[in-house]
Amino acid sequence: MTRLPLPHSTLGWDHAVADIPAAGLSVQRTAEPGECDRIARALDLLACALSLDYTIVPSGSGRYRLTGTLTARVEQPCGVTLEPVTSTIEERLDLRFWPAEDIPAPTSGEVDLDGEEDPEPIVEDRIGVGRVAFECLAAAIDPFPRKPEATLERSSTGGEEALGKADSPFAVLANLRPKA
């Protein structure tokens, strides 16, 4: 299945910075069925349920901090049997949003894994909570889901049995060699 891009506005969970009070904004969101369907299609899921509890607080100089918890239940096809595998995801969010013009350009291609996360841009005076939720969910999904009892049966080729050798990725190639 082809993955579809999911723009941040698909969830419609963005906030205009002008609407965020000085004391901050606390929100509890649950994705509507149509939103869940779009997310499931975009991420190759069989089904999805998503909720997000978060707070956005101004931190001065037109910057904001978003903290919260994303909770999701996703259903994916097992990588072995293709039967549905259900899993629960819970991710903590702690992000900084800055005006795009305040975000410094990267000085090198190096990534500092121990440093702070780069700030997210405020685009068109809006904080893209929907985009962040989608990206967080996409990163947390198991790329190779497997039912606990699912096993992958190994089949041996005739070449391996004829040679009487242990399983080897080169055993089949030995049969291709011309006989002298």
C-alpha atoms as a PDB file:
ATOM      1  CA  MET A   1       0.000   0.000   0.000  1.00  0.00           C
ATOM      2  CA  THR A   2       1.297   3.475  -0.832  1.00  0.00           C
ATOM      3  CA  ARG A   3       1.658   5.815   2.088  1.00  0.00           C
ATOM      4  CA  LEU A   4      -0.201   9.055   1.688  1.00  0.00           C
ATOM      5  CA  PRO A   5       1.163  12.336   2.972  1.00  0.00           C
ATOM      6  CA  LEU A   6      -0.809  13.651   5.909  1.00  0.00           C
ATOM      7  CA  PRO A   7      -0.537  17.429   6.154  1.00  0.00           C
ATOM      8  CA  HIS A   8      -0.622  18.899   9.629  1.00  0.00           C
ATOM      9  CA  SER A   9      -4.043  20.378   8.949  1.00  0.00           C
ATOM     10  CA  THR A  10      -5.617  16.926   8.458  1.00  0.00           C
ATOM     11  CA  LEU A  11      -6.192  16.608  12.181  1.00  0.00           C
ATOM     12  CA  GLY A  12      -7.166  20.248  12.512  1.00  0.00           C
ATOM     13  CA  TRP A  13      -5.461  20.377  15.878  1.00  0.00           C
ATOM     14  CA  ASP A  14      -3.535  23.578  15.280  1.00  0.00           C
ATOM     15  CA  HIS A  15      -3.707  26.651  17.486  1.00  0.00           C
ATOM     16  CA  ALA A  16      -3.286  30.283  16.502  1.00  0.00           C
ATOM     17  CA  VAL A  17      -0.696  31.812  18.804  1.00  0.00           C
ATOM     18  CA  ALA A  18      -3.040  34.808  19.306  1.00  0.00           C
ATOM     19  CA  ASP A  19      -5.577  32.422  20.921  1.00  0.00           C
ATOM     20  CA  ILE A  20      -3.174  31.081  23.558  1.00  0.00           C
ATOM     21  CA  PRO A  21      -3.619  32.947  26.864  1.00  0.00           C
ATOM     22  CA  ALA A  22      -0.631  34.046  28.953  1.00  0.00           C
ATOM     23  CA  ALA A  23      -1.497  31.348  31.533  1.00  0.00           C
ATOM     24  CA  GLY A  24      -1.394  28.666  28.821  1.00  0.00           C
ATOM     25  CA  LEU A  25      -3.910  26.378  27.214  1.00  0.00           C
ATOM     26  CA  SER A  26      -4.822  22.821  28.286  1.00  0.00           C
ATOM     27  CA  VAL A  27      -6.567  20.601  25.733  1.00  0.00           C
ATOM     28  CA  GLN A  28      -7.851  17.029  25.528  1.00  0.00           C
ATOM     29  CA  ARG A  29      -8.419  15.799  21.970  1.00  0.00           C
ATOM     30  CA  THR A  30      -9.711  12.541  20.548  1.00  0.00           C
ATOM     31  CA  ALA A  31      -9.466  11.896  16.824  1.00  0.00           C
ATOM     32  CA  GLU A  32     -12.809  11.666  15.041  1.00  0.00           C
ATOM     33  CA  PRO A  33     -13.552   8.490  13.006  1.00  0.00           C
ATOM     34  CA  GLY A  34     -12.740  10.246   9.702  1.00  0.00           C
ATOM     35  CA  GLU A  35      -9.438  11.501  11.085  1.00  0.00           C
ATOM     36  CA  CYS A  36      -8.593   8.000  12.331  1.00  0.00           C
ATOM     37  CA  ASP A  37      -9.373   6.562   8.893  1.00  0.00           C
ATOM     38  CA  ARG A  38      -7.024   9.063   7.199  1.00  0.00           C
ATOM     39  CA  ILE A  39      -4.263   8.316   9.696  1.00  0.00           C
ATOM     40  CA  ALA A  40      -4.722   4.552   9.258  1.00  0.00           C
ATOM     41  CA  ARG A  41      -4.496   4.845   5.463  1.00  0.00           C
ATOM     42  CA  ALA A  42      -1.431   7.088   5.623  1.00  0.00           C
ATOM     43  CA  LEU A  43       0.414   4.718   7.995  1.00  0.00           C
ATOM     44  CA  ASP A  44      -0.716   1.387   6.465  1.00  0.00           C
ATOM     45  CA  LEU A  45      -2.729   0.491   9.569  1.00  0.00           C
ATOM     46  CA  LEU A  46      -5.871  -1.627   9.685  1.00  0.00           C
ATOM     47  CA  ALA A  47      -7.373   0.658  12.346  1.00  0.00           C
ATOM     48  CA  CYS A  48      -6.382   3.472  14.651  1.00  0.00           C
ATOM     49  CA  ALA A  49      -7.723   5.346  17.693  1.00  0.00           C
ATOM     50  CA  LEU A  50      -5.833   8.404  18.906  1.00  0.00           C
ATOM     51  CA  SER A  51      -6.107  10.858  21.766  1.00  0.00           C
ATOM     52  CA  LEU A  52      -3.843  13.618  22.981  1.00  0.00           C
ATOM     53  CA  ASP A  53      -3.820  15.518  26.276  1.00  0.00           C
ATOM     54  CA  TYR A  54      -1.544  18.541  26.090  1.00  0.00           C
ATOM     55  CA  THR A  55      -0.710  21.967  27.410  1.00  0.00           C
ATOM     56  CA  ILE A  56       0.753  24.871  25.451  1.00  0.00           C
ATOM     57  CA  VAL A  57       2.437  27.568  27.532  1.00  0.00           C
ATOM     58  CA  PRO A  58       4.083  30.783  26.283  1.00  0.00           C
ATOM     59  CA  SER A  59       7.786  30.924  27.152  1.00  0.00           C
ATOM     60  CA  GLY A  60       8.534  34.498  26.009  1.00  0.00           C
ATOM     61  CA  SER A  61       9.820  36.084  22.809  1.00  0.00           C
ATOM     62  CA  GLY A  62       6.999  34.550  20.754  1.00  0.00           C
ATOM     63  CA  ARG A  63       8.040  31.030  21.767  1.00  0.00           C
ATOM     64  CA  TYR A  64       5.889  28.264  23.250  1.00  0.00           C
ATOM     65  CA  ARG A  65       6.296  24.930  24.973  1.00  0.00           C
ATOM     66  CA  LEU A  66       3.997  21.966  24.363  1.00  0.00           C
ATOM     67  CA  THR A  67       3.893  19.106  26.865  1.00  0.00           C
ATOM     68  CA  GLY A  68       1.504  16.208  26.972  1.00  0.00           C
ATOM     69  CA  THR A  69       0.767  12.558  26.355  1.00  0.00           C
ATOM     70  CA  LEU A  70      -0.278  10.883  23.129  1.00  0.00           C
ATOM     71  CA  THR A  71      -2.211   7.639  23.524  1.00  0.00           C
ATOM     72  CA  ALA A  72      -3.126   5.424  20.590  1.00  0.00           C
ATOM     73  CA  ARG A  73      -4.451   1.965  19.833  1.00  0.00           C
ATOM     74  CA  VAL A  74      -3.316   0.695  16.461  1.00  0.00           C
ATOM     75  CA  GLU A  75      -4.107  -2.468  14.540  1.00  0.00           C
ATOM     76  CA  GLN A  76      -1.591  -3.658  11.958  1.00  0.00           C
ATOM     77  CA  PRO A  77      -1.188  -6.795   9.859  1.00  0.00           C
ATOM     78  CA  CYS A  78       1.242  -9.329  11.346  1.00  0.00           C
ATOM     79  CA  GLY A  79       4.440  -9.484   9.299  1.00  0.00           C
ATOM     80  CA  VAL A  80       4.242 -13.299   9.249  1.00  0.00           C
ATOM     81  CA  THR A  81       0.567 -14.286   9.169  1.00  0.00           C
ATOM     82  CA  LEU A  82      -1.095 -11.017   8.049  1.00  0.00           C
ATOM     83  CA  GLU A  83      -3.578 -11.458  10.934  1.00  0.00           C
ATOM     84  CA  PRO A  84      -4.417  -8.272  12.885  1.00  0.00           C
ATOM     85  CA  VAL A  85      -2.015  -7.296  15.679  1.00  0.00           C
ATOM     86  CA  THR A  86      -3.266  -4.715  18.171  1.00  0.00           C
ATOM     87  CA  SER A  87      -0.898  -2.583  20.207  1.00  0.00           C
ATOM     88  CA  THR A  88      -1.176   0.376  22.534  1.00  0.00           C
ATOM     89  CA  ILE A  89       1.151   3.339  22.231  1.00  0.00           C
ATOM     90  CA  GLU A  90       1.750   5.962  24.884  1.00  0.00           C
ATOM     91  CA  GLU A  91       4.269   8.715  24.153  1.00  0.00           C
ATOM     92  CA  ARG A  92       5.255  11.751  26.202  1.00  0.00           C
ATOM     93  CA  LEU A  93       5.614  15.022  24.313  1.00  0.00           C
ATOM     94  CA  ASP A  94       7.847  17.898  25.332  1.00  0.00           C
ATOM     95  CA  LEU A  95       8.455  20.272  22.443  1.00  0.00           C
ATOM     96  CA  ARG A  96       9.455  23.869  21.906  1.00  0.00           C
ATOM     97  CA  PHE A  97       7.833  25.972  19.179  1.00  0.00           C
ATOM     98  CA  TRP A  98       9.653  29.026  17.884  1.00  0.00           C
ATOM     99  CA  PRO A  99       8.918  31.504  15.119  1.00  0.00           C
ATOM    100  CA  ALA A 100      10.500  30.032  11.964  1.00  0.00           C
ATOM    101  CA  GLU A 101      12.798  33.048  11.555  1.00  0.00           C
ATOM    102  CA  ASP A 102      14.249  32.484  15.072  1.00  0.00           C
ATOM    103  CA  ILE A 103      15.320  28.902  14.379  1.00  0.00           C
ATOM    104  CA  PRO A 104      19.032  28.886  13.548  1.00  0.00           C
ATOM    105  CA  ALA A 105      20.140  27.187  10.363  1.00  0.00           C
ATOM    106  CA  PRO A 106      22.138  23.990  10.935  1.00  0.00           C
ATOM    107  CA  THR A 107      25.877  24.681  10.916  1.00  0.00           C
ATOM    108  CA  SER A 108      26.885  21.130  10.032  1.00  0.00           C
ATOM    109  CA  GLY A 109      25.464  17.741   9.176  1.00  0.00           C
ATOM    110  CA  GLU A 110      26.216  16.442  12.669  1.00  0.00           C
ATOM    111  CA  VAL A 111      23.413  15.391  14.963  1.00  0.00           C
ATOM    112  CA  ASP A 112      23.857  15.904  18.692  1.00  0.00           C
ATOM    113  CA  LEU A 113      22.046  12.944  20.247  1.00  0.00           C
ATOM    114  CA  ASP A 114      22.679  14.173  23.785  1.00  0.00           C
ATOM    115  CA  GLY A 115      21.537  17.736  23.166  1.00  0.00           C
ATOM    116  CA  GLU A 116      18.116  19.283  23.265  1.00  0.00           C
ATOM    117  CA  GLU A 117      15.632  18.645  20.468  1.00  0.00           C
ATOM    118  CA  ASP A 118      15.536  21.327  17.798  1.00  0.00           C
ATOM    119  CA  PRO A 119      12.554  23.642  18.119  1.00  0.00           C
ATOM    120  CA  GLU A 120       9.525  23.154  15.888  1.00  0.00           C
ATOM    121  CA  PRO A 121       8.580  26.089  13.662  1.00  0.00           C
ATOM    122  CA  ILE A 122       5.498  28.189  14.187  1.00  0.00           C
ATOM    123  CA  VAL A 123       4.027  28.328  10.676  1.00  0.00           C
ATOM    124  CA  GLU A 124       1.700  31.178   9.709  1.00  0.00           C
ATOM    125  CA  ASP A 125       1.300  32.095  13.403  1.00  0.00           C
ATOM    126  CA  ARG A 126      -0.049  28.610  14.178  1.00  0.00           C
ATOM    127  CA  ILE A 127       1.294  25.820  16.388  1.00  0.00           C
ATOM    128  CA  GLY A 128       0.978  22.550  14.451  1.00  0.00           C
ATOM    129  CA  VAL A 129      -0.184  20.122  17.127  1.00  0.00           C
ATOM    130  CA  GLY A 130      -1.811  17.850  14.507  1.00  0.00           C
ATOM    131  CA  ARG A 131       1.463  17.444  12.603  1.00  0.00           C
ATOM    132  CA  VAL A 132       3.382  16.722  15.798  1.00  0.00           C
ATOM    133  CA  ALA A 133       0.802  14.121  16.886  1.00  0.00           C
ATOM    134  CA  PHE A 134       0.945  12.391  13.498  1.00  0.00           C
ATOM    135  CA  GLU A 135       4.765  12.331  13.422  1.00  0.00           C
ATOM    136  CA  CYS A 136       4.957  11.071  17.011  1.00  0.00           C
ATOM    137  CA  LEU A 137       2.515   8.262  16.247  1.00  0.00           C
ATOM    138  CA  ALA A 138       4.296   7.346  13.012  1.00  0.00           C
ATOM    139  CA  ALA A 139       7.655   7.113  14.828  1.00  0.00           C
ATOM    140  CA  ALA A 140       6.216   4.986  17.663  1.00  0.00           C
ATOM    141  CA  ILE A 141       4.540   2.330  15.493  1.00  0.00           C
ATOM    142  CA  ASP A 142       6.284  -1.056  15.371  1.00  0.00           C
ATOM    143  CA  PRO A 143       7.569  -1.369  11.784  1.00  0.00           C
ATOM    144  CA  PHE A 144       7.516  -5.190  11.990  1.00  0.00           C
ATOM    145  CA  PRO A 145       4.485  -6.209  14.051  1.00  0.00           C
ATOM    146  CA  ARG A 146       4.225  -9.881  14.872  1.00  0.00           C
ATOM    147  CA  LYS A 147       1.657 -11.961  16.711  1.00  0.00           C
ATOM    148  CA  PRO A 148       3.308 -13.608  19.740  1.00  0.00           C
ATOM    149  CA  GLU A 149       2.600 -17.148  18.487  1.00  0.00           C
ATOM    150  CA  ALA A 150       3.510 -16.445  14.828  1.00  0.00           C
ATOM    151  CA  THR A 151       6.482 -18.363  13.498  1.00  0.00           C
ATOM    152  CA  LEU A 152       8.148 -18.204  10.157  1.00  0.00           C
ATOM    153  CA  GLU A 153       8.555 -21.689   8.702  1.00  0.00           C
ATOM    154  CA  ARG A 154      11.894 -22.220   7.006  1.00  0.00           C
ATOM    155  CA  SER A 155      11.882 -24.281   3.894  1.00  0.00           C
ATOM    156  CA  SER A 156      15.002 -25.967   2.687  1.00  0.00           C
ATOM    157  CA  THR A 157      15.934 -26.172  -0.946  1.00  0.00           C
ATOM    158  CA  GLY A 158      16.835 -29.402  -2.692  1.00  0.00           C
ATOM    159  CA  GLY A 159      20.410 -28.201  -3.120  1.00  0.00           C
ATOM    160  CA  GLU A 160      21.032 -28.021   0.619  1.00  0.00           C
ATOM    161  CA  GLU A 161      19.700 -31.525   1.226  1.00  0.00           C
ATOM    162  CA  ALA A 162      21.637 -32.980  -1.705  1.00  0.00           C
ATOM    163  CA  LEU A 163      24.879 -31.478  -0.437  1.00  0.00           C
ATOM    164  CA  GLY A 164      24.186 -32.558   3.140  1.00  0.00           C
ATOM    165  CA  LYS A 165      25.541 -29.256   4.399  1.00  0.00           C
ATOM    166  CA  ALA A 166      24.156 -27.001   7.117  1.00  0.00           C
ATOM    167  CA  ASP A 167      21.880 -24.160   6.066  1.00  0.00           C
ATOM    168  CA  SER A 168      24.005 -21.659   4.226  1.00  0.00           C
ATOM    169  CA  PRO A 169      23.171 -18.757   1.975  1.00  0.00           C
ATOM    170  CA  PHE A 170      25.790 -20.115  -0.451  1.00  0.00           C
ATOM    171  CA  ALA A 171      24.497 -23.692  -0.614  1.00  0.00           C
ATOM    172  CA  VAL A 172      22.184 -22.923  -3.535  1.00  0.00           C
ATOM    173  CA  LEU A 173      25.025 -21.214  -5.404  1.00  0.00           C
ATOM    174  CA  ALA A 174      27.131 -24.385  -5.136  1.00  0.00           C
ATOM    175  CA  ASN A 175      24.562 -26.184  -7.305  1.00  0.00           C
ATOM    176  CA  LEU A 176      24.939 -23.567 -10.013  1.00  0.00           C
ATOM    177  CA  ARG A 177      28.643 -24.283 -10.443  1.00  0.00           C
ATOM    178  CA  PRO A 178      29.367 -26.382 -13.557  1.00  0.00           C
ATOM    179  CA  LYS A 179      30.314 -29.989 -12.785  1.00  0.00           C
ATOM    180  CA  ALA A 180      33.799 -30.979 -14.009  1.00  0.00           C
END
